[in-house]
């Protein structure tokens, strides 16, 4: 770990179609590595808790890491943690990347294993925390999720490292934007930071310092309550090298 300041990259992207593999790590994952400032071969830990720690996906991620030149390891929690010292294992990484799936299940399992407190210390130590979808929402106070069924519902028990709400897949799933607006307007969520597919938000400590994108024409947004109504402000992201 070489990054001196607590950093989070929260995204709605990171994986792009592969040529000879199922997928490759896109510019957002590479940007997480750049934020870490690692010297030498980057050490990246993948957590697939939200997807049930699927073995097939671990294999595909390892192939993507080989192509990217990363040393990738996996922290598994099913059926038991695959390492004895979870905190030490995470502290040895440059980047932790959390995959998508069920954020509600992810948060429950993490708390059983004490990861809610562990991640706060890992973040403070300067390991870059990053992820996509559920792996984005988890760092905030809450957001919107289909963890409970096809109809989107709020989740409000995130780790709270970032004191905001989070909206993912803002442009690709029609129910996301109106639900975020309703939840912010009625106070169920605080000021909420949202990403179109392919966009990531960069935080130093708890300050939003910028947005980046691996897809052209996409945006990020801040939704805040003003006089009982939701107001949306667009943030133009910086286009990352290799964006499509």
Protein backbone atom coordinates (compact mmCIF):
# COMPACT_ATOMS: atom_id res chain seq x y z
CA UNK A 1 0.00 0.00 0.00
CA UNK A 2 1.51 3.31 -1.10
CA UNK A 3 -1.40 5.76 -1.32
CA UNK A 4 -1.09 8.29 1.54
CA UNK A 5 -4.73 9.36 1.81
CA UNK A 6 -8.01 7.45 2.27
CA UNK A 7 -9.42 7.01 -1.23
CA UNK A 8 -12.57 5.47 -2.72
CA UNK A 9 -13.51 4.96 -6.38
CA UNK A 10 -17.23 4.16 -6.59
CA UNK A 11 -18.41 3.08 -10.04
CA UNK A 12 -21.02 1.73 -12.38
CA UNK A 13 -18.41 0.02 -14.55
CA UNK A 14 -14.95 -1.49 -14.66
CA UNK A 15 -15.43 -4.59 -16.82
CA UNK A 16 -15.31 -4.46 -20.62
CA UNK A 17 -15.84 -7.26 -23.17
CA UNK A 18 -12.79 -9.45 -23.65
CA UNK A 19 -11.28 -10.61 -26.93
CA UNK A 20 -10.13 -14.06 -25.78
CA UNK A 21 -11.56 -13.91 -22.27
CA UNK A 22 -15.00 -13.39 -20.77
CA UNK A 23 -14.11 -9.82 -19.84
CA UNK A 24 -11.15 -7.53 -19.29
CA UNK A 25 -10.52 -4.93 -16.63
CA UNK A 26 -11.50 -1.60 -18.11
CA UNK A 27 -10.12 1.89 -17.60
CA UNK A 28 -11.97 2.33 -14.28
CA UNK A 29 -10.14 -0.60 -12.67
CA UNK A 30 -6.85 0.67 -14.07
CA UNK A 31 -7.68 4.10 -12.64
CA UNK A 32 -8.17 2.57 -9.19
CA UNK A 33 -4.66 1.12 -9.50
CA UNK A 34 -3.33 4.51 -10.60
CA UNK A 35 -4.96 6.15 -7.57
CA UNK A 36 -3.10 3.71 -5.33
CA UNK A 37 0.24 4.95 -6.65
CA UNK A 38 1.71 1.48 -6.37
CA UNK A 39 5.33 0.98 -7.31
CA UNK A 40 5.88 -2.33 -9.04
CA UNK A 41 3.27 -4.92 -9.90
CA UNK A 42 -0.14 -3.81 -8.53
CA UNK A 43 -1.68 -5.93 -5.79
CA UNK A 44 -5.45 -6.11 -6.18
CA UNK A 45 -7.93 -8.02 -4.02
CA UNK A 46 -11.29 -8.97 -5.49
CA UNK A 47 -14.35 -9.55 -3.29
CA UNK A 48 -17.25 -11.39 -4.89
CA UNK A 49 -19.44 -11.48 -1.78
CA UNK A 50 -22.37 -9.76 -3.48
CA UNK A 51 -22.47 -12.48 -6.13
CA UNK A 52 -22.09 -15.37 -3.70
CA UNK A 53 -18.34 -15.90 -4.26
CA UNK A 54 -18.86 -17.76 -7.52
CA UNK A 55 -15.88 -19.92 -8.48
CA UNK A 56 -16.39 -19.41 -12.22
CA UNK A 57 -16.28 -15.65 -11.87
CA UNK A 58 -13.10 -15.85 -9.81
CA UNK A 59 -11.47 -17.70 -12.67
CA UNK A 60 -12.61 -15.10 -15.20
CA UNK A 61 -11.35 -12.26 -12.98
CA UNK A 62 -7.99 -13.98 -12.61
CA UNK A 63 -7.71 -14.17 -16.40
CA UNK A 64 -8.53 -10.47 -16.66
CA UNK A 65 -5.85 -9.72 -14.07
CA UNK A 66 -3.26 -11.74 -16.00
CA UNK A 67 -3.94 -9.62 -19.08
CA UNK A 68 -3.80 -6.40 -17.04
CA UNK A 69 -0.54 -7.30 -15.30
CA UNK A 70 -2.04 -7.31 -11.80
CA UNK A 71 -1.33 -9.68 -8.93
CA UNK A 72 -4.94 -10.57 -8.11
CA UNK A 73 -6.08 -12.39 -4.99
CA UNK A 74 -9.59 -13.20 -3.82
CA UNK A 75 -11.13 -12.77 -0.38
CA UNK A 76 -13.86 -15.39 -0.09
CA UNK A 77 -16.35 -15.56 2.77
CA UNK A 78 -18.33 -18.63 1.62
CA UNK A 79 -18.42 -21.15 3.16
CA UNK A 80 -15.82 -19.68 5.50
CA UNK A 81 -13.17 -16.97 5.05
CA UNK A 82 -10.31 -18.30 2.95
CA UNK A 83 -7.71 -16.46 5.07
CA UNK A 84 -7.20 -16.40 8.82
CA UNK A 85 -6.26 -12.73 9.17
CA UNK A 86 -8.74 -10.80 7.00
CA UNK A 87 -7.49 -7.39 8.06
CA UNK A 88 -3.84 -8.19 7.45
CA UNK A 89 -4.72 -9.72 4.08
CA UNK A 90 -6.53 -6.55 2.97
CA UNK A 91 -3.85 -4.22 4.33
CA UNK A 92 -1.31 -5.96 2.10
CA UNK A 93 -3.17 -4.84 -1.05
CA UNK A 94 -2.95 -1.68 -3.15
CA UNK A 95 -6.61 -1.87 -4.25
CA UNK A 96 -9.70 -3.71 -3.06
CA UNK A 97 -12.27 -4.15 -5.84
CA UNK A 98 -15.78 -5.24 -4.82
CA UNK A 99 -18.00 -6.84 -7.46
CA UNK A 100 -21.70 -6.37 -8.08
CA UNK A 101 -24.74 -8.39 -7.03
CA UNK A 102 -26.82 -8.13 -3.88
CA UNK A 103 -25.71 -5.21 -1.72
CA UNK A 104 -28.15 -6.24 1.04
CA UNK A 105 -26.60 -9.71 1.29
CA UNK A 106 -23.09 -8.29 1.01
CA UNK A 107 -23.64 -5.94 3.96
CA UNK A 108 -25.13 -8.69 6.12
CA UNK A 109 -22.29 -11.13 5.44
CA UNK A 110 -19.61 -8.49 5.89
CA UNK A 111 -21.00 -7.52 9.29
CA UNK A 112 -21.05 -11.14 10.44
CA UNK A 113 -17.31 -11.28 9.76
CA UNK A 114 -16.49 -7.82 11.14
CA UNK A 115 -15.66 -6.33 7.76
CA UNK A 116 -17.65 -3.18 8.49
CA UNK A 117 -15.02 -2.18 11.06
CA UNK A 118 -12.10 -3.75 9.19
CA UNK A 119 -12.81 -1.75 6.06
CA UNK A 120 -12.85 1.49 8.02
CA UNK A 121 -9.29 0.77 9.19
CA UNK A 122 -8.15 -0.46 5.78
CA UNK A 123 -9.52 2.71 4.18
CA UNK A 124 -7.82 4.91 6.79
CA UNK A 125 -4.54 3.10 6.11
CA UNK A 126 -4.65 4.17 2.44
CA UNK A 127 -5.68 1.03 0.58
CA UNK A 128 -7.87 2.21 -2.31
CA UNK A 129 -11.42 0.90 -1.91
CA UNK A 130 -13.32 0.51 -5.18
CA UNK A 131 -16.07 -1.44 -6.86
CA UNK A 132 -19.06 -1.59 -9.13
CA UNK A 133 -22.81 -1.43 -8.40
CA UNK A 134 -23.23 -3.21 -5.03
CA UNK A 135 -19.48 -2.66 -4.69
CA UNK A 136 -20.16 1.05 -5.01
CA UNK A 137 -23.26 1.46 -2.83
CA UNK A 138 -21.65 -0.39 0.08
CA UNK A 139 -19.25 2.48 0.89
CA UNK A 140 -22.10 5.00 1.29
CA UNK A 141 -24.99 5.38 3.73
CA UNK A 142 -27.32 3.74 1.22
CA UNK A 143 -28.87 3.79 -2.22
CA UNK A 144 -31.32 1.87 -4.38
CA UNK A 145 -31.19 -1.87 -4.96
CA UNK A 146 -32.95 -4.86 -6.48
CA UNK A 147 -31.55 -7.06 -3.69
CA UNK A 148 -35.06 -7.71 -2.34
CA UNK A 149 -36.84 -8.42 -5.62
CA UNK A 150 -37.48 -7.04 -9.12
CA UNK A 151 -38.89 -3.78 -7.78
CA UNK A 152 -36.20 -1.34 -6.71
CA UNK A 153 -36.14 -0.52 -3.01
CA UNK A 154 -33.98 1.63 -0.76
CA UNK A 155 -31.13 0.25 1.27
CA UNK A 156 -30.01 2.51 4.12
CA UNK A 157 -27.51 0.46 6.15
CA UNK A 158 -24.36 0.93 4.10
CA UNK A 159 -20.96 1.14 5.76
CA UNK A 160 -21.17 4.95 5.76
CA UNK A 161 -17.53 5.64 4.99
CA UNK A 162 -18.96 8.25 2.64
CA UNK A 163 -21.77 10.35 4.21
CA UNK A 164 -23.95 10.37 1.10
CA UNK A 165 -26.39 8.19 -0.79
CA UNK A 166 -25.35 6.48 -4.01
CA UNK A 167 -27.23 5.84 -7.25
CA UNK A 168 -25.75 3.32 -9.70
CA UNK A 169 -26.76 2.43 -13.28
CA UNK A 170 -28.42 5.81 -13.39
CA UNK A 171 -28.94 5.89 -17.15
CA UNK A 172 -29.54 2.22 -17.94
CA UNK A 173 -32.28 1.21 -15.47
CA UNK A 174 -35.34 3.40 -15.80
CA UNK A 175 -36.50 3.15 -12.19
CA UNK A 176 -33.26 4.32 -10.61
CA UNK A 177 -33.47 8.08 -11.20
CA UNK A 178 -37.10 8.65 -10.08
CA UNK A 179 -36.62 6.54 -6.96
CA UNK A 180 -33.45 8.41 -6.02
CA UNK A 181 -35.28 11.71 -6.48
CA UNK A 182 -38.16 10.55 -4.27
CA UNK A 183 -35.90 9.22 -1.53
CA UNK A 184 -33.80 12.39 -1.44
CA UNK A 185 -36.89 14.62 -1.47
CA UNK A 186 -38.50 12.82 1.47
CA UNK A 187 -35.27 12.56 3.46
CA UNK A 188 -34.89 8.79 3.26
CA UNK A 189 -31.50 9.38 1.64
CA UNK A 190 -29.16 12.34 2.16
CA UNK A 191 -27.54 14.18 -0.74
CA UNK A 192 -26.89 11.40 -3.23
CA UNK A 193 -24.10 10.93 -5.78
CA UNK A 194 -25.02 8.99 -8.93
CA UNK A 195 -23.21 7.43 -11.88
CA UNK A 196 -24.22 6.47 -15.39
CA UNK A 197 -22.87 3.14 -16.60
CA UNK A 198 -19.13 3.44 -17.17
CA UNK A 199 -18.64 6.33 -14.74
CA UNK A 200 -16.81 6.44 -11.41
CA UNK A 201 -16.62 8.95 -8.55
CA UNK A 202 -13.32 9.66 -6.80
CA UNK A 203 -13.20 10.59 -3.11
CA UNK A 204 -10.27 11.69 -1.00
CA UNK A 205 -11.37 11.04 2.56
CA UNK A 206 -15.06 12.02 2.30
CA UNK A 207 -14.66 14.78 -0.30
CA UNK A 208 -15.83 14.17 -3.85
CA UNK A 209 -12.87 15.34 -5.92
CA UNK A 210 -13.95 14.30 -9.40
CA UNK A 211 -15.67 11.96 -11.80
CA UNK A 212 -14.05 9.75 -14.44
CA UNK A 213 -15.48 7.70 -17.28
CA UNK A 214 -14.53 4.72 -19.44
CA UNK A 215 -17.44 5.43 -21.81
CA UNK A 216 -17.92 8.63 -23.79
CA UNK A 217 -21.00 10.78 -23.35
CA UNK A 218 -21.80 9.59 -19.85
CA UNK A 219 -22.34 11.65 -16.71
CA UNK A 220 -22.29 11.79 -12.94
CA UNK A 221 -24.85 13.60 -10.81
CA UNK A 222 -25.47 15.12 -7.39
CA UNK A 223 -29.07 14.96 -6.19
CA UNK A 224 -29.92 17.14 -3.21
CA UNK A 225 -33.06 18.29 -1.45
CA UNK A 226 -34.10 21.91 -1.84
CA UNK A 227 -37.34 23.05 -0.17
CA UNK A 228 -38.69 19.50 -0.10
CA UNK A 229 -37.91 18.73 -3.74
CA UNK A 230 -35.02 16.88 -5.36
CA UNK A 231 -32.66 18.95 -7.48
CA UNK A 232 -30.18 17.23 -9.80
CA UNK A 233 -26.84 18.71 -10.82
CA UNK A 234 -24.70 17.08 -13.52
CA UNK A 235 -20.94 16.57 -13.19
CA UNK A 236 -18.97 16.14 -16.41
CA UNK A 237 -16.48 13.30 -15.94
CA UNK A 238 -12.93 13.22 -17.22
CA UNK A 239 -12.64 10.66 -20.00
CA UNK A 240 -10.05 8.03 -19.11
CA UNK A 241 -7.45 6.69 -21.56
CA UNK A 242 -8.89 3.69 -23.40
CA UNK A 243 -12.50 4.88 -23.08
CA UNK A 244 -14.91 3.56 -25.70
